[in-house]
Amino acid sequence: MLAVSQEAIQCYGPRCIERAREGSKYCSDNCGLKLATNRLFQILPQRIQHWQAASSIAEENNRNILEAIRENQQEAKNHLVQLDLRHKNLDALIERAKNATIDPDAENAQDEEETEMSMYCITCGHEINCRTALRHMEKCFAKYESQTSFGSIYRTRIEGNSMFCDFFNPQSMTYCKRLKVMCPEHGKDPRVAEDEVCGFPLVEDVFRETGEFCRCQKRKCNKHYCWEKFRRAEIDMERVRQWIALDDLFEQERHIRVAMANRAGVLGLMLHQTIDHDPRNPMQKIISNPKQPIAASN
């Protein structure tokens, strides 16, 4: 068989008279880079002028989305400030209750309200008295909750006080990710003194606070068992939700900023071109470079 001879071609490099390599249009890599550089210098300025003259709809949409994201971020930050204020008010309320004295009449009134009705525990299923239902359910839940671990290899890094337990387990090399105030495995309820007042803020019409608080003995008050812990857990859980929302918003902002930065990049300008087809709103006239770009295939 006779080998088919290929016709020799001249190198496409600027001012190069050498023979191109086999399977290529250039005699060397330098010639290809020189031609690509010349194309950039001739085509790119004109594309940049087109980009600056014509408004990009995608750019405007991204700016509007960024404004909405910033508003949502500010709302989440304001909500976090309000939650911190609620936390301080709760601490002040607990401190005020510690300085109060026990009211025997309040204990007698609570004893009169007690009933002999029974119910079933939602955790263990045993029948319990309604008078001690809250106390039993809390202890039962803590017992079963401590049997399961929620861990992460990363320690929580957050502004202000952390809501998570973050107890380090050397065996599994993880940090506990339960709420600090509700962690039954690594946290214990403080010891209650005999003369300590319950301090639960009393309400009327379900939600409206009266400014008064329960003055029963805290050890015997089954109606408001562990109310401080539940209030703190409610605030901390809402803080977790807001921080998760902020993290999602920051991630959305990052994606949009990356898209906006890549849109005006060299590769995007070289590969894409905007053509205005609306005669009622013509694009701004652009003084193009009289030199025609070099049209050569790769």
C-alpha atoms as a PDB file:
ATOM      1  CA  MET A   1       0.000   0.000   0.000  1.00  0.00           C
ATOM      2  CA  LEU A   2       1.202   3.458  -0.860  1.00  0.00           C
ATOM      3  CA  ALA A   3       1.231   6.044   1.932  1.00  0.00           C
ATOM      4  CA  VAL A   4      -0.860   9.113   1.225  1.00  0.00           C
ATOM      5  CA  SER A   5       1.386  12.154   1.291  1.00  0.00           C
ATOM      6  CA  GLN A   6       0.047  15.203   3.096  1.00  0.00           C
ATOM      7  CA  GLU A   7       0.526  18.613   1.565  1.00  0.00           C
ATOM      8  CA  ALA A   8       2.816  20.822   3.595  1.00  0.00           C
ATOM      9  CA  ILE A   9       1.174  23.989   4.963  1.00  0.00           C
ATOM     10  CA  GLN A  10       2.710  27.164   6.246  1.00  0.00           C
ATOM     11  CA  CYS A  11       2.489  28.015   9.936  1.00  0.00           C
ATOM     12  CA  TYR A  12      -0.477  30.265  10.841  1.00  0.00           C
ATOM     13  CA  GLY A  13       1.619  32.183  13.338  1.00  0.00           C
ATOM     14  CA  PRO A  14       2.057  35.923  12.724  1.00  0.00           C
ATOM     15  CA  ARG A  15       5.013  36.640  10.388  1.00  0.00           C
ATOM     16  CA  CYS A  16       6.083  33.027  10.515  1.00  0.00           C
ATOM     17  CA  ILE A  17       7.307  31.338   7.326  1.00  0.00           C
ATOM     18  CA  GLU A  18       8.077  27.974   8.846  1.00  0.00           C
ATOM     19  CA  ARG A  19       6.338  24.745   7.970  1.00  0.00           C
ATOM     20  CA  ALA A  20       3.527  23.667  10.309  1.00  0.00           C
ATOM     21  CA  ARG A  21       3.914  20.526  12.335  1.00  0.00           C
ATOM     22  CA  GLU A  22       2.106  17.401  11.266  1.00  0.00           C
ATOM     23  CA  GLY A  23      -1.478  17.436  12.545  1.00  0.00           C
ATOM     24  CA  SER A  24      -1.214  21.096  13.552  1.00  0.00           C
ATOM     25  CA  LYS A  25      -1.475  24.545  11.993  1.00  0.00           C
ATOM     26  CA  TYR A  26       1.509  25.938  13.841  1.00  0.00           C
ATOM     27  CA  CYS A  27       5.179  25.177  13.804  1.00  0.00           C
ATOM     28  CA  SER A  28       5.455  25.603  17.577  1.00  0.00           C
ATOM     29  CA  ASP A  29       3.399  26.415  20.651  1.00  0.00           C
ATOM     30  CA  ASN A  30       4.758  29.960  20.712  1.00  0.00           C
ATOM     31  CA  CYS A  31       3.256  30.732  17.316  1.00  0.00           C
ATOM     32  CA  GLY A  32      -0.165  29.550  18.482  1.00  0.00           C
ATOM     33  CA  LEU A  33       0.069  31.674  21.625  1.00  0.00           C
ATOM     34  CA  LYS A  34       1.100  34.740  19.623  1.00  0.00           C
ATOM     35  CA  LEU A  35      -1.882  34.384  17.287  1.00  0.00           C
ATOM     36  CA  ALA A  36      -4.265  33.911  20.235  1.00  0.00           C
ATOM     37  CA  THR A  37      -2.817  37.019  21.901  1.00  0.00           C
ATOM     38  CA  ASN A  38      -3.342  39.081  18.752  1.00  0.00           C
ATOM     39  CA  ARG A  39      -6.947  37.907  18.557  1.00  0.00           C
ATOM     40  CA  LEU A  40      -7.544  39.009  22.129  1.00  0.00           C
ATOM     41  CA  PHE A  41      -6.087  42.459  21.493  1.00  0.00           C
ATOM     42  CA  GLN A  42      -8.260  42.947  18.402  1.00  0.00           C
ATOM     43  CA  ILE A  43     -11.565  41.355  19.450  1.00  0.00           C
ATOM     44  CA  LEU A  44     -11.724  41.872  23.216  1.00  0.00           C
ATOM     45  CA  PRO A  45     -11.799  45.728  23.325  1.00  0.00           C
ATOM     46  CA  GLN A  46     -14.751  45.777  20.950  1.00  0.00           C
ATOM     47  CA  ARG A  47     -16.599  43.164  23.007  1.00  0.00           C
ATOM     48  CA  ILE A  48     -15.935  45.161  26.179  1.00  0.00           C
ATOM     49  CA  GLN A  49     -17.456  48.253  24.542  1.00  0.00           C
ATOM     50  CA  HIS A  50     -20.507  46.225  23.553  1.00  0.00           C
ATOM     51  CA  TRP A  51     -20.828  44.932  27.114  1.00  0.00           C
ATOM     52  CA  GLN A  52     -20.605  48.401  28.637  1.00  0.00           C
ATOM     53  CA  ALA A  53     -23.045  49.925  26.148  1.00  0.00           C
ATOM     54  CA  ALA A  54     -25.794  47.285  26.340  1.00  0.00           C
ATOM     55  CA  SER A  55     -27.517  46.627  29.651  1.00  0.00           C
ATOM     56  CA  SER A  56     -27.652  42.962  30.647  1.00  0.00           C
ATOM     57  CA  ILE A  57     -31.024  41.635  31.789  1.00  0.00           C
ATOM     58  CA  ALA A  58     -29.322  38.852  33.725  1.00  0.00           C
ATOM     59  CA  GLU A  59     -27.167  41.438  35.504  1.00  0.00           C
ATOM     60  CA  GLU A  60     -30.225  43.471  36.502  1.00  0.00           C
ATOM     61  CA  ASN A  61     -32.032  40.353  37.716  1.00  0.00           C
ATOM     62  CA  ASN A  62     -29.033  39.368  39.808  1.00  0.00           C
ATOM     63  CA  ARG A  63     -28.864  42.841  41.349  1.00  0.00           C
ATOM     64  CA  ASN A  64     -32.545  42.642  42.290  1.00  0.00           C
ATOM     65  CA  ILE A  65     -32.035  39.203  43.799  1.00  0.00           C
ATOM     66  CA  LEU A  66     -29.028  40.484  45.757  1.00  0.00           C
ATOM     67  CA  GLU A  67     -31.111  43.327  47.179  1.00  0.00           C
ATOM     68  CA  ALA A  68     -33.806  40.869  48.257  1.00  0.00           C
ATOM     69  CA  ILE A  69     -31.167  38.604  49.827  1.00  0.00           C
ATOM     70  CA  ARG A  70     -29.662  41.529  51.749  1.00  0.00           C
ATOM     71  CA  GLU A  71     -33.104  42.480  53.059  1.00  0.00           C
ATOM     72  CA  ASN A  72     -33.693  38.911  54.224  1.00  0.00           C
ATOM     73  CA  GLN A  73     -30.269  38.867  55.859  1.00  0.00           C
ATOM     74  CA  GLN A  74     -31.052  42.076  57.719  1.00  0.00           C
ATOM     75  CA  GLU A  75     -34.398  40.672  58.872  1.00  0.00           C
ATOM     76  CA  ALA A  76     -32.686  37.543  60.176  1.00  0.00           C
ATOM     77  CA  LYS A  77     -30.079  39.646  62.009  1.00  0.00           C
ATOM     78  CA  ASN A  78     -32.803  41.811  63.547  1.00  0.00           C
ATOM     79  CA  HIS A  79     -34.614  38.664  64.647  1.00  0.00           C
ATOM     80  CA  LEU A  80     -31.422  37.419  66.294  1.00  0.00           C
ATOM     81  CA  VAL A  81     -31.117  40.719  68.170  1.00  0.00           C
ATOM     82  CA  GLN A  82     -34.696  40.340  69.398  1.00  0.00           C
ATOM     83  CA  LEU A  83     -33.977  36.785  70.528  1.00  0.00           C
ATOM     84  CA  ASP A  84     -30.940  37.984  72.476  1.00  0.00           C
ATOM     85  CA  LEU A  85     -33.157  40.596  74.115  1.00  0.00           C
ATOM     86  CA  ARG A  86     -35.703  37.905  75.018  1.00  0.00           C
ATOM     87  CA  HIS A  87     -32.886  35.870  76.544  1.00  0.00           C
ATOM     88  CA  LYS A  88     -31.801  38.821  78.702  1.00  0.00           C
ATOM     89  CA  ASN A  89     -35.388  39.500  79.779  1.00  0.00           C
ATOM     90  CA  LEU A  90     -35.752  35.859  80.778  1.00  0.00           C
ATOM     91  CA  ASP A  91     -32.588  36.065  82.885  1.00  0.00           C
ATOM     92  CA  ALA A  92     -33.904  39.221  84.551  1.00  0.00           C
ATOM     93  CA  LEU A  93     -37.243  37.528  85.277  1.00  0.00           C
ATOM     94  CA  ILE A  94     -35.540  34.505  86.832  1.00  0.00           C
ATOM     95  CA  GLU A  95     -33.325  36.760  88.934  1.00  0.00           C
ATOM     96  CA  ARG A  96     -36.349  38.702  90.161  1.00  0.00           C
ATOM     97  CA  ALA A  97     -38.121  35.488  91.123  1.00  0.00           C
ATOM     98  CA  LYS A  98     -35.121  34.367  93.184  1.00  0.00           C
ATOM     99  CA  ASN A  99     -35.530  37.409  95.426  1.00  0.00           C
ATOM    100  CA  ALA A 100     -39.241  36.729  96.021  1.00  0.00           C
ATOM    101  CA  THR A 101     -40.772  34.780  98.887  1.00  0.00           C
ATOM    102  CA  ILE A 102     -43.050  31.754  98.754  1.00  0.00           C
ATOM    103  CA  ASP A 103     -46.777  32.463  98.938  1.00  0.00           C
ATOM    104  CA  PRO A 104     -48.645  29.726 100.888  1.00  0.00           C
ATOM    105  CA  ASP A 105     -51.980  30.815  99.413  1.00  0.00           C
ATOM    106  CA  ALA A 106     -50.692  30.129  95.904  1.00  0.00           C
ATOM    107  CA  GLU A 107     -49.711  26.592  96.915  1.00  0.00           C
ATOM    108  CA  ASN A 108     -53.137  25.958  98.414  1.00  0.00           C
ATOM    109  CA  ALA A 109     -54.842  27.249  95.266  1.00  0.00           C
ATOM    110  CA  GLN A 110     -52.746  24.944  93.121  1.00  0.00           C
ATOM    111  CA  ASP A 111     -53.551  21.956  95.348  1.00  0.00           C
ATOM    112  CA  GLU A 112     -57.253  22.629  94.900  1.00  0.00           C
ATOM    113  CA  GLU A 113     -56.861  22.548  91.118  1.00  0.00           C
ATOM    114  CA  GLU A 114     -55.194  19.138  91.159  1.00  0.00           C
ATOM    115  CA  THR A 115     -57.242  16.259  89.839  1.00  0.00           C
ATOM    116  CA  GLU A 116     -57.085  12.498  89.958  1.00  0.00           C
ATOM    117  CA  MET A 117     -57.399  12.093  86.193  1.00  0.00           C
ATOM    118  CA  SER A 118     -54.823   9.936  84.464  1.00  0.00           C
ATOM    119  CA  MET A 119     -53.211   9.823  81.030  1.00  0.00           C
ATOM    120  CA  TYR A 120     -50.612   7.818  79.131  1.00  0.00           C
ATOM    121  CA  CYS A 121     -47.011   8.896  78.663  1.00  0.00           C
ATOM    122  CA  ILE A 122     -46.230   9.556  75.001  1.00  0.00           C
ATOM    123  CA  THR A 123     -42.689   8.198  75.433  1.00  0.00           C
ATOM    124  CA  CYS A 124     -42.983   5.025  77.487  1.00  0.00           C
ATOM    125  CA  GLY A 125     -46.752   4.434  77.259  1.00  0.00           C
ATOM    126  CA  HIS A 126     -47.316   3.976  80.992  1.00  0.00           C
ATOM    127  CA  GLU A 127     -50.380   5.348  82.729  1.00  0.00           C
ATOM    128  CA  ILE A 128     -49.551   8.392  84.853  1.00  0.00           C
ATOM    129  CA  ASN A 129     -51.425  10.915  86.943  1.00  0.00           C
ATOM    130  CA  CYS A 130     -52.130  14.257  85.281  1.00  0.00           C
ATOM    131  CA  ARG A 131     -50.780  16.052  88.344  1.00  0.00           C
ATOM    132  CA  THR A 132     -47.264  14.704  87.762  1.00  0.00           C
ATOM    133  CA  ALA A 133     -47.483  14.269  83.991  1.00  0.00           C
ATOM    134  CA  LEU A 134     -45.003  17.033  83.092  1.00  0.00           C
ATOM    135  CA  ARG A 135     -42.428  15.832  85.581  1.00  0.00           C
ATOM    136  CA  HIS A 136     -42.711  12.209  84.426  1.00  0.00           C
ATOM    137  CA  MET A 137     -42.616  13.043  80.700  1.00  0.00           C
ATOM    138  CA  GLU A 138     -39.534  15.220  81.069  1.00  0.00           C
ATOM    139  CA  LYS A 139     -37.591  12.575  82.973  1.00  0.00           C
ATOM    140  CA  CYS A 140     -38.795   9.822  80.652  1.00  0.00           C
ATOM    141  CA  PHE A 141     -37.805  11.810  77.568  1.00  0.00           C
ATOM    142  CA  ALA A 142     -34.365  12.581  79.022  1.00  0.00           C
ATOM    143  CA  LYS A 143     -33.794   8.885  79.731  1.00  0.00           C
ATOM    144  CA  TYR A 144     -34.561   7.805  76.169  1.00  0.00           C
ATOM    145  CA  GLU A 145     -32.865  10.819  74.581  1.00  0.00           C
ATOM    146  CA  SER A 146     -29.570  10.106  76.339  1.00  0.00           C
ATOM    147  CA  GLN A 147     -29.408   6.720  74.598  1.00  0.00           C
ATOM    148  CA  THR A 148     -28.860   8.408  71.223  1.00  0.00           C
ATOM    149  CA  SER A 149     -25.870  10.591  70.367  1.00  0.00           C
ATOM    150  CA  PHE A 150     -25.879  13.537  67.975  1.00  0.00           C
ATOM    151  CA  GLY A 151     -22.311  14.429  67.106  1.00  0.00           C
ATOM    152  CA  SER A 152     -20.170  16.233  64.581  1.00  0.00           C
ATOM    153  CA  ILE A 153     -16.439  16.345  64.017  1.00  0.00           C
ATOM    154  CA  TYR A 154     -16.553  20.159  63.962  1.00  0.00           C
ATOM    155  CA  ARG A 155     -16.880  22.418  66.961  1.00  0.00           C
ATOM    156  CA  THR A 156     -19.503  25.149  66.742  1.00  0.00           C
ATOM    157  CA  ARG A 157     -18.055  28.538  65.858  1.00  0.00           C
ATOM    158  CA  ILE A 158     -20.691  31.211  66.241  1.00  0.00           C
ATOM    159  CA  GLU A 159     -20.920  34.797  67.426  1.00  0.00           C
ATOM    160  CA  GLY A 160     -21.951  35.191  71.041  1.00  0.00           C
ATOM    161  CA  ASN A 161     -22.929  32.291  73.258  1.00  0.00           C
ATOM    162  CA  SER A 162     -23.168  28.917  71.559  1.00  0.00           C
ATOM    163  CA  MET A 163     -26.531  27.148  71.747  1.00  0.00           C
ATOM    164  CA  PHE A 164     -25.023  23.675  71.397  1.00  0.00           C
ATOM    165  CA  CYS A 165     -23.541  21.404  74.030  1.00  0.00           C
ATOM    166  CA  ASP A 166     -20.224  20.850  72.156  1.00  0.00           C
ATOM    167  CA  PHE A 167     -19.056  18.247  74.667  1.00  0.00           C
ATOM    168  CA  PHE A 168     -16.085  16.433  73.123  1.00  0.00           C
ATOM    169  CA  ASN A 169     -16.259  12.641  73.077  1.00  0.00           C
ATOM    170  CA  PRO A 170     -12.684  11.283  72.850  1.00  0.00           C
ATOM    171  CA  GLN A 171     -13.884   7.824  71.804  1.00  0.00           C
ATOM    172  CA  SER A 172     -15.821   8.912  68.723  1.00  0.00           C
ATOM    173  CA  MET A 173     -13.823  12.167  68.272  1.00  0.00           C
ATOM    174  CA  THR A 174     -17.035  14.164  67.890  1.00  0.00           C
ATOM    175  CA  TYR A 175     -18.708  17.159  69.521  1.00  0.00           C
ATOM    176  CA  CYS A 176     -22.228  16.840  70.916  1.00  0.00           C
ATOM    177  CA  LYS A 177     -24.738  18.839  68.856  1.00  0.00           C
ATOM    178  CA  ARG A 178     -27.733  18.832  71.169  1.00  0.00           C
ATOM    179  CA  LEU A 179     -29.016  22.089  72.555  1.00  0.00           C
ATOM    180  CA  LYS A 180     -26.930  22.907  75.603  1.00  0.00           C
ATOM    181  CA  VAL A 181     -29.922  23.590  77.804  1.00  0.00           C
ATOM    182  CA  MET A 182     -31.695  20.359  76.784  1.00  0.00           C
ATOM    183  CA  CYS A 183     -28.777  17.910  76.658  1.00  0.00           C
ATOM    184  CA  PRO A 184     -29.605  15.087  79.116  1.00  0.00           C
ATOM    185  CA  GLU A 185     -26.297  13.305  78.555  1.00  0.00           C
ATOM    186  CA  HIS A 186     -23.802  16.053  79.410  1.00  0.00           C
ATOM    187  CA  GLY A 187     -25.882  18.538  81.368  1.00  0.00           C
ATOM    188  CA  LYS A 188     -27.602  18.314  84.735  1.00  0.00           C
ATOM    189  CA  ASP A 189     -30.391  20.443  86.131  1.00  0.00           C
ATOM    190  CA  PRO A 190     -29.236  22.787  88.910  1.00  0.00           C
ATOM    191  CA  ARG A 191     -30.140  21.871  92.456  1.00  0.00           C
ATOM    192  CA  VAL A 192     -33.292  23.629  93.638  1.00  0.00           C
ATOM    193  CA  ALA A 193     -33.261  25.205  97.090  1.00  0.00           C
ATOM    194  CA  GLU A 194     -36.138  24.655  99.482  1.00  0.00           C
ATOM    195  CA  ASP A 195     -37.078  28.335  99.631  1.00  0.00           C
ATOM    196  CA  GLU A 196     -36.788  28.945  95.879  1.00  0.00           C
ATOM    197  CA  VAL A 197     -39.843  30.349  94.113  1.00  0.00           C
ATOM    198  CA  CYS A 198     -41.189  28.919  90.855  1.00  0.00           C
ATOM    199  CA  GLY A 199     -41.157  32.301  89.065  1.00  0.00           C
ATOM    200  CA  PHE A 200     -43.259  31.329  86.050  1.00  0.00           C
ATOM    201  CA  PRO A 201     -44.758  34.517  84.493  1.00  0.00           C
ATOM    202  CA  LEU A 202     -48.527  34.324  84.852  1.00  0.00           C
ATOM    203  CA  VAL A 203     -50.718  35.084  81.832  1.00  0.00           C
ATOM    204  CA  GLU A 204     -54.354  35.754  81.136  1.00  0.00           C
ATOM    205  CA  ASP A 205     -56.291  35.183  77.935  1.00  0.00           C
ATOM    206  CA  VAL A 206     -53.664  32.553  77.067  1.00  0.00           C
ATOM    207  CA  PHE A 207     -50.956  34.942  75.835  1.00  0.00           C
ATOM    208  CA  ARG A 208     -51.182  38.296  77.641  1.00  0.00           C
ATOM    209  CA  GLU A 209     -48.766  38.520  80.557  1.00  0.00           C
ATOM    210  CA  THR A 210     -50.041  40.038  83.788  1.00  0.00           C
ATOM    211  CA  GLY A 211     -46.666  41.087  85.185  1.00  0.00           C
ATOM    212  CA  GLU A 212     -47.013  38.656  88.100  1.00  0.00           C
ATOM    213  CA  PHE A 213     -45.283  35.309  88.515  1.00  0.00           C
ATOM    214  CA  CYS A 214     -45.992  32.033  90.256  1.00  0.00           C
ATOM    215  CA  ARG A 215     -44.853  32.174  93.883  1.00  0.00           C
ATOM    216  CA  CYS A 216     -45.267  28.519  94.724  1.00  0.00           C
ATOM    217  CA  GLN A 217     -42.379  26.489  96.037  1.00  0.00           C
ATOM    218  CA  LYS A 218     -40.379  25.406  93.021  1.00  0.00           C
ATOM    219  CA  ARG A 219     -39.898  21.847  94.233  1.00  0.00           C
ATOM    220  CA  LYS A 220     -43.640  21.290  94.602  1.00  0.00           C
ATOM    221  CA  CYS A 221     -44.867  23.207  91.550  1.00  0.00           C
ATOM    222  CA  ASN A 222     -45.874  20.498  89.081  1.00  0.00           C
ATOM    223  CA  LYS A 223     -47.784  22.902  86.865  1.00  0.00           C
ATOM    224  CA  HIS A 224     -44.680  24.836  85.741  1.00  0.00           C
ATOM    225  CA  TYR A 225     -42.027  22.137  85.942  1.00  0.00           C
ATOM    226  CA  CYS A 226     -38.726  23.156  84.253  1.00  0.00           C
ATOM    227  CA  TRP A 227     -40.331  26.160  82.602  1.00  0.00           C
ATOM    228  CA  GLU A 228     -37.020  28.095  82.465  1.00  0.00           C
ATOM    229  CA  LYS A 229     -35.340  25.280  80.560  1.00  0.00           C
ATOM    230  CA  PHE A 230     -38.163  25.076  78.046  1.00  0.00           C
ATOM    231  CA  ARG A 231     -38.156  28.849  77.526  1.00  0.00           C
ATOM    232  CA  ARG A 232     -34.409  28.870  76.932  1.00  0.00           C
ATOM    233  CA  ALA A 233     -34.698  25.901  74.571  1.00  0.00           C
ATOM    234  CA  GLU A 234     -37.427  27.684  72.615  1.00  0.00           C
ATOM    235  CA  ILE A 235     -35.247  30.777  72.206  1.00  0.00           C
ATOM    236  CA  ASP A 236     -32.156  28.740  71.305  1.00  0.00           C
ATOM    237  CA  MET A 237     -34.071  26.685  68.752  1.00  0.00           C
ATOM    238  CA  GLU A 238     -35.299  29.851  67.079  1.00  0.00           C
ATOM    239  CA  ARG A 239     -31.729  31.166  67.046  1.00  0.00           C
ATOM    240  CA  VAL A 240     -30.610  27.968  65.325  1.00  0.00           C
ATOM    241  CA  ARG A 241     -33.287  28.436  62.659  1.00  0.00           C
ATOM    242  CA  GLN A 242     -32.205  32.011  62.028  1.00  0.00           C
ATOM    243  CA  TRP A 243     -28.528  31.055  61.761  1.00  0.00           C
ATOM    244  CA  ILE A 244     -29.397  28.292  59.288  1.00  0.00           C
ATOM    245  CA  ALA A 245     -31.424  30.790  57.259  1.00  0.00           C
ATOM    246  CA  LEU A 246     -28.496  33.237  57.329  1.00  0.00           C
ATOM    247  CA  ASP A 247     -26.115  30.527  56.176  1.00  0.00           C
ATOM    248  CA  ASP A 248     -28.402  29.696  53.239  1.00  0.00           C
ATOM    249  CA  LEU A 249     -28.673  33.382  52.318  1.00  0.00           C
ATOM    250  CA  PHE A 250     -24.895  33.822  52.409  1.00  0.00           C
ATOM    251  CA  GLU A 251     -24.511  30.794  50.140  1.00  0.00           C
ATOM    252  CA  GLN A 252     -27.067  32.203  47.686  1.00  0.00           C
ATOM    253  CA  GLU A 253     -25.261  35.539  47.679  1.00  0.00           C
ATOM    254  CA  ARG A 254     -21.956  33.822  46.984  1.00  0.00           C
ATOM    255  CA  HIS A 255     -23.381  31.917  43.998  1.00  0.00           C
ATOM    256  CA  ILE A 256     -24.877  35.070  42.513  1.00  0.00           C
ATOM    257  CA  ARG A 257     -21.670  37.057  42.956  1.00  0.00           C
ATOM    258  CA  VAL A 258     -19.671  34.288  41.287  1.00  0.00           C
ATOM    259  CA  ALA A 259     -22.126  34.282  38.370  1.00  0.00           C
ATOM    260  CA  MET A 260     -21.880  38.070  38.053  1.00  0.00           C
ATOM    261  CA  ALA A 261     -18.085  37.951  38.135  1.00  0.00           C
ATOM    262  CA  ASN A 262     -17.907  35.211  35.500  1.00  0.00           C
ATOM    263  CA  ARG A 263     -20.388  36.933  33.221  1.00  0.00           C
ATOM    264  CA  ALA A 264     -17.972  39.756  32.364  1.00  0.00           C
ATOM    265  CA  GLY A 265     -14.921  37.521  32.190  1.00  0.00           C
ATOM    266  CA  VAL A 266     -12.662  37.163  29.174  1.00  0.00           C
ATOM    267  CA  LEU A 267     -14.060  33.772  28.211  1.00  0.00           C
ATOM    268  CA  GLY A 268     -17.664  34.961  28.435  1.00  0.00           C
ATOM    269  CA  LEU A 269     -16.981  38.089  26.394  1.00  0.00           C
ATOM    270  CA  MET A 270     -15.186  36.117  23.700  1.00  0.00           C
ATOM    271  CA  LEU A 271     -17.851  33.430  23.397  1.00  0.00           C
ATOM    272  CA  HIS A 272     -21.024  35.530  23.738  1.00  0.00           C
ATOM    273  CA  GLN A 273     -22.300  38.681  22.113  1.00  0.00           C
ATOM    274  CA  THR A 274     -25.487  40.686  22.696  1.00  0.00           C
ATOM    275  CA  ILE A 275     -27.535  41.763  19.673  1.00  0.00           C
ATOM    276  CA  ASP A 276     -30.326  44.292  20.118  1.00  0.00           C
ATOM    277  CA  HIS A 277     -33.383  43.518  17.972  1.00  0.00           C
ATOM    278  CA  ASP A 278     -35.621  46.261  19.386  1.00  0.00           C
ATOM    279  CA  PRO A 279     -35.734  49.215  16.947  1.00  0.00           C
ATOM    280  CA  ARG A 280     -37.615  51.384  19.444  1.00  0.00           C
ATOM    281  CA  ASN A 281     -34.736  51.251  21.900  1.00  0.00           C
ATOM    282  CA  PRO A 282     -31.571  50.948  19.836  1.00  0.00           C
ATOM    283  CA  MET A 283     -28.269  50.200  21.421  1.00  0.00           C
ATOM    284  CA  GLN A 284     -25.735  52.950  21.842  1.00  0.00           C
ATOM    285  CA  LYS A 285     -23.601  53.426  18.769  1.00  0.00           C
ATOM    286  CA  ILE A 286     -20.191  51.980  19.264  1.00  0.00           C
ATOM    287  CA  ILE A 287     -17.138  53.183  17.408  1.00  0.00           C
ATOM    288  CA  SER A 288     -15.583  49.925  16.445  1.00  0.00           C
ATOM    289  CA  ASN A 289     -11.970  49.315  15.619  1.00  0.00           C
ATOM    290  CA  PRO A 290     -11.429  49.727  11.874  1.00  0.00           C
ATOM    291  CA  LYS A 291      -9.106  46.765  11.887  1.00  0.00           C
ATOM    292  CA  GLN A 292     -10.910  43.546  11.162  1.00  0.00           C
ATOM    293  CA  PRO A 293     -10.167  40.632  13.479  1.00  0.00           C
ATOM    294  CA  ILE A 294      -8.168  37.793  12.134  1.00  0.00           C
ATOM    295  CA  ALA A 295     -10.534  35.013  11.118  1.00  0.00           C
ATOM    296  CA  ALA A 296      -8.651  31.777  11.280  1.00  0.00           C
ATOM    297  CA  SER A 297      -9.739  28.394  12.463  1.00  0.00           C
ATOM    298  CA  ASN A 298      -7.995  26.630  15.273  1.00  0.00           C
END
